[in-house]
Amino acid sequence: MPASSRTVLGGLIVTLLTACATSSSPVRVDQAESGLPNCRTFAWHASAGDPASLSDQRIRSAVMAQLKAKGYQEVADKADCRIAYQLTTREIPKAKPGVGVGVGGGSGGVGGGIGVSLPIGRKSGFTGTFVLDVIDNAKNAQVWSGSIDTELATAEPSEGEARDLVQEVLSVFPNAQ
């Protein structure tokens, strides 16, 4: 094989491998024009009164652990700011291999072909978006929001997945002053 063909083949392989690699989704941040208020203490935004699911408990625990590590404090009432979150997930459909057969002709000849598609690099599981909001209690207004797209093994995040999601979103949240 000539050197130029090997170079082209090598470049094609690198391109294919790069295309199959998964990349981490960046954290998207939206902030009020007035900036963050002096949030030193946090409490949870009132929920609908439903019992806390395991996922809810995992996420709340991870959020408070991260905020405490950044110098903030959790209080029961009269907090400077409240925290709310939303996690939406949907199932990733399993990819199936496919086979195609074709026959054609022209100019006195007949030809045919068979094609096979293999789902390489597609995972089954769940995909979703995790959003964490900060609400200024004094203004009763949202002042910060961080979100990230994610892939999960199941519809409900494990303790490790919850910790990783929260850590990634709050990595762009400022430390306490």
N, C-alpha and C. Protein backbone atom coordinates (compact mmCIF):
# COMPACT_ATOMS: atom_id res chain seq x y z
N MET A 1 0.86 -1.18 0.00
CA MET A 1 0.00 0.00 0.00
C MET A 1 0.90 1.24 0.00
N PRO A 2 0.68 2.16 -0.94
CA PRO A 2 1.50 3.38 -1.00
C PRO A 2 1.33 4.22 0.27
N ALA A 3 2.33 5.03 0.54
CA ALA A 3 2.34 5.86 1.75
C ALA A 3 1.15 6.83 1.78
N SER A 4 0.77 7.39 0.65
CA SER A 4 -0.34 8.34 0.63
C SER A 4 -1.66 7.64 0.98
N SER A 5 -1.85 6.41 0.53
CA SER A 5 -3.06 5.65 0.86
C SER A 5 -3.11 5.33 2.34
N ARG A 6 -1.95 5.00 2.92
CA ARG A 6 -1.90 4.72 4.36
C ARG A 6 -2.23 5.97 5.17
N THR A 7 -1.78 7.13 4.71
CA THR A 7 -2.06 8.38 5.40
C THR A 7 -3.56 8.69 5.36
N VAL A 8 -4.16 8.51 4.19
CA VAL A 8 -5.59 8.75 4.05
C VAL A 8 -6.38 7.77 4.92
N LEU A 9 -5.99 6.48 4.89
CA LEU A 9 -6.67 5.47 5.69
C LEU A 9 -6.51 5.76 7.18
N GLY A 10 -5.34 6.17 7.61
CA GLY A 10 -5.10 6.52 9.01
C GLY A 10 -5.94 7.71 9.44
N GLY A 11 -6.03 8.71 8.59
CA GLY A 11 -6.86 9.89 8.89
C GLY A 11 -8.33 9.53 8.99
N LEU A 12 -8.78 8.63 8.10
CA LEU A 12 -10.17 8.19 8.13
C LEU A 12 -10.47 7.44 9.42
N ILE A 13 -9.57 6.59 9.86
CA ILE A 13 -9.77 5.84 11.11
C ILE A 13 -9.82 6.79 12.30
N VAL A 14 -8.92 7.76 12.36
CA VAL A 14 -8.92 8.73 13.46
C VAL A 14 -10.22 9.53 13.46
N THR A 15 -10.68 9.94 12.29
CA THR A 15 -11.94 10.69 12.19
C THR A 15 -13.12 9.87 12.68
N LEU A 16 -13.18 8.61 12.29
CA LEU A 16 -14.26 7.74 12.73
C LEU A 16 -14.23 7.51 14.24
N LEU A 17 -13.06 7.30 14.79
CA LEU A 17 -12.94 7.09 16.23
C LEU A 17 -13.33 8.35 17.00
N THR A 18 -12.95 9.50 16.49
CA THR A 18 -13.31 10.76 17.13
C THR A 18 -14.82 10.98 17.08
N ALA A 19 -15.44 10.63 15.99
CA ALA A 19 -16.89 10.81 15.86
C ALA A 19 -17.65 9.89 16.81
N CYS A 20 -17.10 8.71 17.11
CA CYS A 20 -17.76 7.76 18.01
C CYS A 20 -17.55 8.10 19.48
N ALA A 21 -16.57 8.91 19.78
CA ALA A 21 -16.28 9.23 21.18
C ALA A 21 -17.38 10.14 21.74
N THR A 22 -17.73 9.90 23.00
CA THR A 22 -18.73 10.76 23.62
C THR A 22 -18.03 11.93 24.29
N SER A 23 -18.66 13.08 24.22
CA SER A 23 -18.07 14.25 24.87
C SER A 23 -19.01 14.71 25.96
N SER A 24 -18.46 15.33 26.95
CA SER A 24 -19.24 15.85 28.06
C SER A 24 -19.97 17.10 27.62
N SER A 25 -21.21 17.20 28.01
CA SER A 25 -22.01 18.37 27.66
C SER A 25 -21.59 19.54 28.54
N PRO A 26 -21.43 20.73 27.98
CA PRO A 26 -21.06 21.87 28.81
C PRO A 26 -22.23 22.34 29.66
N VAL A 27 -21.91 22.94 30.78
CA VAL A 27 -22.93 23.51 31.66
C VAL A 27 -23.39 24.83 31.05
N ARG A 28 -24.69 25.00 30.93
CA ARG A 28 -25.26 26.26 30.45
C ARG A 28 -25.70 27.07 31.66
N VAL A 29 -25.33 28.34 31.68
CA VAL A 29 -25.65 29.20 32.82
C VAL A 29 -26.43 30.41 32.32
N ASP A 30 -27.46 30.76 33.08
CA ASP A 30 -28.22 31.97 32.82
C ASP A 30 -28.32 32.70 34.15
N GLN A 31 -28.10 34.00 34.14
CA GLN A 31 -28.04 34.77 35.38
C GLN A 31 -28.79 36.08 35.21
N ALA A 32 -29.40 36.55 36.29
CA ALA A 32 -30.11 37.83 36.26
C ALA A 32 -29.13 38.96 35.96
N GLU A 33 -29.62 39.98 35.29
CA GLU A 33 -28.76 41.12 34.94
C GLU A 33 -28.20 41.81 36.17
N SER A 34 -28.96 41.78 37.26
CA SER A 34 -28.49 42.43 38.49
C SER A 34 -27.42 41.61 39.20
N GLY A 35 -27.15 40.41 38.70
CA GLY A 35 -26.15 39.56 39.32
C GLY A 35 -26.74 38.79 40.49
N LEU A 36 -25.90 38.00 41.11
CA LEU A 36 -26.34 37.20 42.25
C LEU A 36 -26.49 38.07 43.49
N PRO A 37 -27.55 37.85 44.25
CA PRO A 37 -27.68 38.57 45.51
C PRO A 37 -26.70 38.00 46.53
N ASN A 38 -26.68 38.56 47.69
CA ASN A 38 -25.79 38.08 48.74
C ASN A 38 -26.39 36.82 49.37
N CYS A 39 -26.29 35.72 48.67
CA CYS A 39 -26.83 34.44 49.16
C CYS A 39 -25.77 33.77 50.03
N ARG A 40 -25.97 33.81 51.31
CA ARG A 40 -25.07 33.11 52.22
C ARG A 40 -25.75 31.86 52.77
N THR A 41 -27.09 31.92 52.84
CA THR A 41 -27.85 30.78 53.37
C THR A 41 -28.86 30.31 52.32
N PHE A 42 -29.12 29.01 52.32
CA PHE A 42 -30.02 28.40 51.36
C PHE A 42 -31.03 27.52 52.05
N ALA A 43 -32.19 27.40 51.43
CA ALA A 43 -33.22 26.45 51.82
C ALA A 43 -33.82 25.91 50.53
N TRP A 44 -34.57 24.85 50.63
CA TRP A 44 -35.22 24.29 49.44
C TRP A 44 -36.50 25.03 49.13
N HIS A 45 -36.75 25.22 47.87
CA HIS A 45 -38.01 25.80 47.41
C HIS A 45 -39.12 24.82 47.78
N ALA A 46 -40.23 25.32 48.28
CA ALA A 46 -41.33 24.46 48.72
C ALA A 46 -41.79 23.55 47.59
N SER A 47 -41.94 22.26 47.90
CA SER A 47 -42.40 21.31 46.89
C SER A 47 -43.90 21.07 47.04
N ALA A 48 -44.43 20.24 46.20
CA ALA A 48 -45.87 19.99 46.17
C ALA A 48 -46.38 19.21 47.37
N GLY A 49 -45.53 18.78 48.25
CA GLY A 49 -45.95 18.02 49.42
C GLY A 49 -45.92 16.52 49.20
N ASP A 50 -45.53 16.08 47.99
CA ASP A 50 -45.39 14.65 47.74
C ASP A 50 -44.20 14.12 48.53
N PRO A 51 -44.22 12.83 48.88
CA PRO A 51 -43.06 12.27 49.58
C PRO A 51 -41.81 12.35 48.70
N ALA A 52 -40.68 12.57 49.32
CA ALA A 52 -39.42 12.68 48.58
C ALA A 52 -39.00 11.31 48.05
N SER A 53 -38.77 11.24 46.73
CA SER A 53 -38.31 9.99 46.12
C SER A 53 -36.84 9.79 46.46
N LEU A 54 -36.33 8.61 46.14
CA LEU A 54 -34.90 8.35 46.37
C LEU A 54 -34.05 9.29 45.54
N SER A 55 -34.46 9.53 44.30
CA SER A 55 -33.71 10.46 43.44
C SER A 55 -33.70 11.85 44.04
N ASP A 56 -34.85 12.30 44.52
CA ASP A 56 -34.96 13.62 45.13
C ASP A 56 -34.02 13.73 46.33
N GLN A 57 -34.00 12.71 47.17
CA GLN A 57 -33.12 12.72 48.34
C GLN A 57 -31.65 12.74 47.93
N ARG A 58 -31.31 11.97 46.90
CA ARG A 58 -29.91 11.93 46.42
C ARG A 58 -29.48 13.29 45.89
N ILE A 59 -30.34 13.91 45.08
CA ILE A 59 -29.99 15.20 44.48
C ILE A 59 -29.91 16.29 45.54
N ARG A 60 -30.88 16.33 46.46
CA ARG A 60 -30.87 17.34 47.52
C ARG A 60 -29.62 17.21 48.39
N SER A 61 -29.27 15.98 48.73
CA SER A 61 -28.08 15.75 49.55
C SER A 61 -26.82 16.22 48.83
N ALA A 62 -26.73 15.90 47.53
CA ALA A 62 -25.55 16.30 46.75
C ALA A 62 -25.47 17.82 46.62
N VAL A 63 -26.61 18.48 46.41
CA VAL A 63 -26.62 19.95 46.28
C VAL A 63 -26.13 20.60 47.56
N MET A 64 -26.68 20.19 48.69
CA MET A 64 -26.28 20.80 49.95
C MET A 64 -24.82 20.51 50.30
N ALA A 65 -24.34 19.32 49.98
CA ALA A 65 -22.93 19.00 50.23
C ALA A 65 -22.02 19.92 49.39
N GLN A 66 -22.39 20.15 48.12
CA GLN A 66 -21.59 21.02 47.26
C GLN A 66 -21.65 22.48 47.71
N LEU A 67 -22.84 22.94 48.09
CA LEU A 67 -22.96 24.32 48.56
C LEU A 67 -22.18 24.54 49.86
N LYS A 68 -22.24 23.57 50.78
CA LYS A 68 -21.47 23.68 52.03
C LYS A 68 -19.97 23.72 51.73
N ALA A 69 -19.53 22.92 50.76
CA ALA A 69 -18.11 22.92 50.37
C ALA A 69 -17.70 24.27 49.78
N LYS A 70 -18.64 25.01 49.22
CA LYS A 70 -18.36 26.33 48.66
C LYS A 70 -18.52 27.45 49.69
N GLY A 71 -18.87 27.09 50.93
CA GLY A 71 -18.95 28.09 51.99
C GLY A 71 -20.35 28.57 52.32
N TYR A 72 -21.38 27.94 51.78
CA TYR A 72 -22.76 28.34 52.05
C TYR A 72 -23.32 27.50 53.20
N GLN A 73 -24.45 27.95 53.73
CA GLN A 73 -25.06 27.28 54.87
C GLN A 73 -26.53 26.98 54.57
N GLU A 74 -27.00 25.80 54.98
CA GLU A 74 -28.40 25.44 54.84
C GLU A 74 -29.14 25.84 56.11
N VAL A 75 -30.28 26.50 55.95
CA VAL A 75 -31.11 26.89 57.10
C VAL A 75 -32.55 26.45 56.82
N ALA A 76 -33.32 26.28 57.89
CA ALA A 76 -34.70 25.84 57.74
C ALA A 76 -35.62 26.97 57.26
N ASP A 77 -35.45 28.17 57.82
CA ASP A 77 -36.29 29.29 57.39
C ASP A 77 -35.49 30.58 57.35
N LYS A 78 -36.05 31.56 56.67
CA LYS A 78 -35.43 32.87 56.48
C LYS A 78 -34.08 32.79 55.77
N ALA A 79 -34.02 31.92 54.77
CA ALA A 79 -32.81 31.79 53.96
C ALA A 79 -32.72 32.96 52.99
N ASP A 80 -31.50 33.32 52.61
CA ASP A 80 -31.29 34.37 51.61
C ASP A 80 -31.84 33.93 50.25
N CYS A 81 -31.61 32.67 49.93
CA CYS A 81 -32.01 32.14 48.62
C CYS A 81 -32.58 30.73 48.78
N ARG A 82 -33.39 30.35 47.78
CA ARG A 82 -33.95 29.00 47.74
C ARG A 82 -33.42 28.28 46.52
N ILE A 83 -33.42 26.95 46.62
CA ILE A 83 -32.94 26.10 45.54
C ILE A 83 -34.11 25.28 45.00
N ALA A 84 -34.18 25.16 43.70
CA ALA A 84 -35.14 24.28 43.04
C ALA A 84 -34.39 23.55 41.92
N TYR A 85 -34.85 22.35 41.60
CA TYR A 85 -34.21 21.63 40.50
C TYR A 85 -35.27 20.89 39.70
N GLN A 86 -34.86 20.49 38.50
CA GLN A 86 -35.72 19.67 37.66
C GLN A 86 -34.84 18.72 36.89
N LEU A 87 -35.23 17.45 36.85
CA LEU A 87 -34.52 16.44 36.08
C LEU A 87 -35.54 15.78 35.17
N THR A 88 -35.36 15.93 33.87
CA THR A 88 -36.24 15.28 32.91
C THR A 88 -35.43 14.23 32.17
N THR A 89 -36.01 13.05 32.00
CA THR A 89 -35.32 11.97 31.30
C THR A 89 -36.24 11.34 30.27
N ARG A 90 -35.63 10.73 29.28
CA ARG A 90 -36.37 9.94 28.30
C ARG A 90 -35.48 8.79 27.87
N GLU A 91 -36.13 7.70 27.50
CA GLU A 91 -35.38 6.49 27.12
C GLU A 91 -34.77 6.66 25.74
N ILE A 92 -33.53 6.18 25.61
CA ILE A 92 -32.86 6.15 24.32
C ILE A 92 -33.27 4.84 23.65
N PRO A 93 -33.92 4.89 22.49
CA PRO A 93 -34.34 3.64 21.86
C PRO A 93 -33.14 2.80 21.46
N LYS A 94 -33.29 1.49 21.63
CA LYS A 94 -32.21 0.58 21.25
C LYS A 94 -32.11 0.54 19.73
N ALA A 95 -30.90 0.67 19.24
CA ALA A 95 -30.66 0.61 17.81
C ALA A 95 -30.65 -0.85 17.37
N LYS A 96 -31.22 -1.11 16.21
CA LYS A 96 -31.29 -2.47 15.68
C LYS A 96 -30.51 -2.54 14.38
N PRO A 97 -29.82 -3.66 14.16
CA PRO A 97 -29.13 -3.80 12.87
C PRO A 97 -30.15 -3.91 11.74
N GLY A 98 -29.74 -3.50 10.56
CA GLY A 98 -30.64 -3.54 9.40
C GLY A 98 -29.95 -4.15 8.20
N VAL A 99 -30.75 -4.73 7.30
CA VAL A 99 -30.24 -5.32 6.08
C VAL A 99 -31.08 -4.78 4.93
N GLY A 100 -30.43 -4.40 3.85
CA GLY A 100 -31.12 -3.93 2.67
C GLY A 100 -30.68 -4.68 1.44
N VAL A 101 -31.61 -4.97 0.54
CA VAL A 101 -31.31 -5.67 -0.70
C VAL A 101 -31.81 -4.81 -1.85
N GLY A 102 -31.00 -4.70 -2.87
CA GLY A 102 -31.41 -3.90 -4.03
C GLY A 102 -31.08 -4.60 -5.33
N VAL A 103 -31.90 -4.40 -6.31
CA VAL A 103 -31.68 -4.96 -7.64
C VAL A 103 -31.94 -3.84 -8.64
N GLY A 104 -31.12 -3.79 -9.67
CA GLY A 104 -31.30 -2.77 -10.67
C GLY A 104 -30.70 -3.20 -12.00
N GLY A 105 -30.99 -2.47 -13.01
CA GLY A 105 -30.44 -2.82 -14.32
C GLY A 105 -30.40 -1.63 -15.23
N GLY A 106 -29.71 -1.81 -16.29
CA GLY A 106 -29.60 -0.74 -17.27
C GLY A 106 -28.54 -1.10 -18.29
N SER A 107 -28.65 -0.60 -19.50
CA SER A 107 -27.69 -0.85 -20.58
C SER A 107 -27.48 -2.33 -20.80
N GLY A 108 -28.55 -3.11 -20.69
CA GLY A 108 -28.45 -4.54 -21.00
C GLY A 108 -27.89 -5.37 -19.87
N GLY A 109 -27.62 -4.79 -18.72
CA GLY A 109 -27.07 -5.58 -17.61
C GLY A 109 -27.97 -5.48 -16.39
N VAL A 110 -27.86 -6.45 -15.55
CA VAL A 110 -28.64 -6.47 -14.31
C VAL A 110 -27.64 -6.57 -13.16
N GLY A 111 -27.88 -5.83 -12.10
CA GLY A 111 -26.98 -5.88 -10.94
C GLY A 111 -27.77 -5.85 -9.66
N GLY A 112 -27.13 -6.19 -8.62
CA GLY A 112 -27.80 -6.20 -7.32
C GLY A 112 -26.79 -5.89 -6.23
N GLY A 113 -27.32 -5.69 -5.05
CA GLY A 113 -26.44 -5.40 -3.92
C GLY A 113 -27.13 -5.67 -2.61
N ILE A 114 -26.33 -5.90 -1.61
CA ILE A 114 -26.82 -6.12 -0.25
C ILE A 114 -26.09 -5.14 0.65
N GLY A 115 -26.83 -4.49 1.54
CA GLY A 115 -26.22 -3.57 2.51
C GLY A 115 -26.61 -3.96 3.92
N VAL A 116 -25.69 -3.79 4.82
CA VAL A 116 -25.93 -4.12 6.23
C VAL A 116 -25.56 -2.90 7.06
N SER A 117 -26.44 -2.53 8.02
CA SER A 117 -26.11 -1.44 8.93
C SER A 117 -25.99 -2.01 10.34
N LEU A 118 -24.93 -1.64 11.00
CA LEU A 118 -24.68 -2.10 12.36
C LEU A 118 -24.65 -0.89 13.29
N PRO A 119 -25.44 -0.92 14.36
CA PRO A 119 -25.46 0.22 15.29
C PRO A 119 -24.22 0.22 16.19
N ILE A 120 -23.20 0.92 15.76
CA ILE A 120 -21.94 0.98 16.52
C ILE A 120 -21.92 2.27 17.32
N GLY A 121 -21.65 2.16 18.59
CA GLY A 121 -21.49 3.34 19.43
C GLY A 121 -22.77 3.88 20.03
N ARG A 122 -23.92 3.32 19.70
CA ARG A 122 -25.18 3.78 20.29
C ARG A 122 -25.45 2.99 21.54
N LYS A 123 -25.64 3.68 22.62
CA LYS A 123 -25.91 3.04 23.90
C LYS A 123 -27.41 3.04 24.15
N SER A 124 -27.84 2.03 24.91
CA SER A 124 -29.22 2.09 25.39
C SER A 124 -29.16 2.70 26.78
N GLY A 125 -30.24 3.22 27.22
CA GLY A 125 -30.28 3.86 28.53
C GLY A 125 -31.22 5.04 28.49
N PHE A 126 -30.84 6.10 29.18
CA PHE A 126 -31.70 7.28 29.28
C PHE A 126 -30.87 8.53 29.05
N THR A 127 -31.50 9.52 28.46
CA THR A 127 -30.88 10.81 28.26
C THR A 127 -31.80 11.85 28.90
N GLY A 128 -31.23 12.95 29.33
CA GLY A 128 -32.07 13.96 29.97
C GLY A 128 -31.35 15.26 30.19
N THR A 129 -32.03 16.15 30.90
CA THR A 129 -31.48 17.46 31.24
C THR A 129 -31.71 17.70 32.73
N PHE A 130 -30.65 18.16 33.39
CA PHE A 130 -30.71 18.51 34.81
C PHE A 130 -30.59 20.03 34.91
N VAL A 131 -31.55 20.67 35.60
CA VAL A 131 -31.57 22.13 35.76
C VAL A 131 -31.60 22.45 37.25
N LEU A 132 -30.73 23.35 37.67
CA LEU A 132 -30.68 23.80 39.07
C LEU A 132 -30.89 25.31 39.08
N ASP A 133 -31.89 25.76 39.85
CA ASP A 133 -32.24 27.19 39.90
C ASP A 133 -32.00 27.76 41.29
N VAL A 134 -31.57 29.02 41.33
CA VAL A 134 -31.41 29.77 42.59
C VAL A 134 -32.42 30.90 42.55
N ILE A 135 -33.21 31.02 43.63
CA ILE A 135 -34.27 32.02 43.73
C ILE A 135 -33.94 32.97 44.89
N ASP A 136 -33.92 34.25 44.60
CA ASP A 136 -33.68 35.27 45.63
C ASP A 136 -34.97 35.40 46.46
N ASN A 137 -34.89 35.14 47.75
CA ASN A 137 -36.06 35.19 48.62
C ASN A 137 -36.61 36.61 48.75
N ALA A 138 -35.73 37.60 48.83
CA ALA A 138 -36.18 38.98 49.01
C ALA A 138 -36.99 39.46 47.81
N LYS A 139 -36.57 39.10 46.61
CA LYS A 139 -37.25 39.52 45.38
C LYS A 139 -38.27 38.50 44.91
N ASN A 140 -38.21 37.29 45.46
CA ASN A 140 -39.01 36.16 44.99
C ASN A 140 -38.86 36.01 43.49
N ALA A 141 -37.59 36.00 43.04
CA ALA A 141 -37.29 35.92 41.62
C ALA A 141 -36.08 35.01 41.39
N GLN A 142 -36.10 34.32 40.28
CA GLN A 142 -34.98 33.47 39.90
C GLN A 142 -33.80 34.38 39.52
N VAL A 143 -32.61 34.07 40.06
CA VAL A 143 -31.44 34.90 39.78
C VAL A 143 -30.29 34.13 39.14
N TRP A 144 -30.36 32.79 39.16
CA TRP A 144 -29.31 31.97 38.56
C TRP A 144 -29.89 30.64 38.15
N SER A 145 -29.43 30.12 37.02
CA SER A 145 -29.85 28.80 36.56
C SER A 145 -28.68 28.14 35.85
N GLY A 146 -28.44 26.90 36.21
CA GLY A 146 -27.41 26.10 35.55
C GLY A 146 -28.04 24.81 35.06
N SER A 147 -27.70 24.39 33.84
CA SER A 147 -28.28 23.16 33.31
C SER A 147 -27.24 22.39 32.53
N ILE A 148 -27.47 21.08 32.43
CA ILE A 148 -26.56 20.21 31.71
C ILE A 148 -27.34 19.04 31.13
N ASP A 149 -26.97 18.61 29.94
CA ASP A 149 -27.54 17.42 29.34
C ASP A 149 -26.74 16.22 29.83
N THR A 150 -27.41 15.09 30.03
CA THR A 150 -26.74 13.94 30.61
C THR A 150 -27.27 12.64 30.05
N GLU A 151 -26.51 11.59 30.24
CA GLU A 151 -26.95 10.23 29.95
C GLU A 151 -26.91 9.45 31.24
N LEU A 152 -27.96 8.68 31.50
CA LEU A 152 -28.08 7.90 32.73
C LEU A 152 -28.31 6.44 32.37
N ALA A 153 -27.93 5.55 33.28
CA ALA A 153 -28.14 4.13 33.08
C ALA A 153 -29.63 3.77 33.22
N THR A 154 -30.32 4.45 34.14
CA THR A 154 -31.75 4.22 34.37
C THR A 154 -32.46 5.57 34.42
N ALA A 155 -33.78 5.55 34.50
CA ALA A 155 -34.55 6.79 34.53
C ALA A 155 -34.27 7.59 35.80
N GLU A 156 -33.93 6.92 36.88
CA GLU A 156 -33.61 7.56 38.16
C GLU A 156 -32.09 7.54 38.37
N PRO A 157 -31.47 8.67 38.68
CA PRO A 157 -30.01 8.68 38.85
C PRO A 157 -29.58 7.92 40.11
N SER A 158 -28.46 7.24 39.99
CA SER A 158 -27.86 6.59 41.16
C SER A 158 -27.25 7.67 42.05
N GLU A 159 -26.77 7.27 43.20
CA GLU A 159 -26.14 8.25 44.10
C GLU A 159 -24.92 8.89 43.43
N GLY A 160 -24.12 8.09 42.75
CA GLY A 160 -22.94 8.61 42.06
C GLY A 160 -23.30 9.53 40.91
N GLU A 161 -24.32 9.15 40.13
CA GLU A 161 -24.76 9.99 39.01
C GLU A 161 -25.31 11.33 39.52
N ALA A 162 -26.10 11.29 40.59
CA ALA A 162 -26.64 12.52 41.17
C ALA A 162 -25.51 13.43 41.65
N ARG A 163 -24.55 12.85 42.34
CA ARG A 163 -23.41 13.63 42.85
C ARG A 163 -22.63 14.26 41.70
N ASP A 164 -22.39 13.48 40.63
CA ASP A 164 -21.63 13.99 39.49
C ASP A 164 -22.37 15.11 38.76
N LEU A 165 -23.69 14.95 38.56
CA LEU A 165 -24.48 15.99 37.91
C LEU A 165 -24.43 17.30 38.69
N VAL A 166 -24.70 17.19 39.99
CA VAL A 166 -24.73 18.38 40.84
C VAL A 166 -23.35 19.04 40.88
N GLN A 167 -22.31 18.23 41.02
CA GLN A 167 -20.95 18.78 41.09
C GLN A 167 -20.60 19.52 39.81
N GLU A 168 -20.99 18.96 38.67
CA GLU A 168 -20.67 19.62 37.40
C GLU A 168 -21.42 20.95 37.26
N VAL A 169 -22.70 20.97 37.58
CA VAL A 169 -23.48 22.22 37.46
C VAL A 169 -22.97 23.26 38.45
N LEU A 170 -22.74 22.86 39.69
CA LEU A 170 -22.30 23.83 40.70
C LEU A 170 -20.82 24.20 40.59
N SER A 171 -20.09 23.55 39.70
CA SER A 171 -18.68 23.92 39.50
C SER A 171 -18.59 25.34 38.92
N VAL A 172 -19.65 25.81 38.27
CA VAL A 172 -19.64 27.17 37.71
C VAL A 172 -20.39 28.16 38.61
N PHE A 173 -20.88 27.70 39.75
CA PHE A 173 -21.54 28.58 40.71
C PHE A 173 -20.46 29.18 41.61
N PRO A 174 -20.51 30.49 41.92
CA PRO A 174 -19.44 31.12 42.70
C PRO A 174 -19.39 30.62 44.14
N ASN A 175 -18.20 30.69 44.72
CA ASN A 175 -18.02 30.38 46.14
C ASN A 175 -18.63 31.50 46.98
N ALA A 176 -18.95 31.18 48.24
CA ALA A 176 -19.48 32.19 49.15
C ALA A 176 -18.42 33.27 49.38
N GLN A 177 -18.88 34.48 49.61
CA GLN A 177 -17.94 35.60 49.78
C GLN A 177 -17.63 35.83 51.23
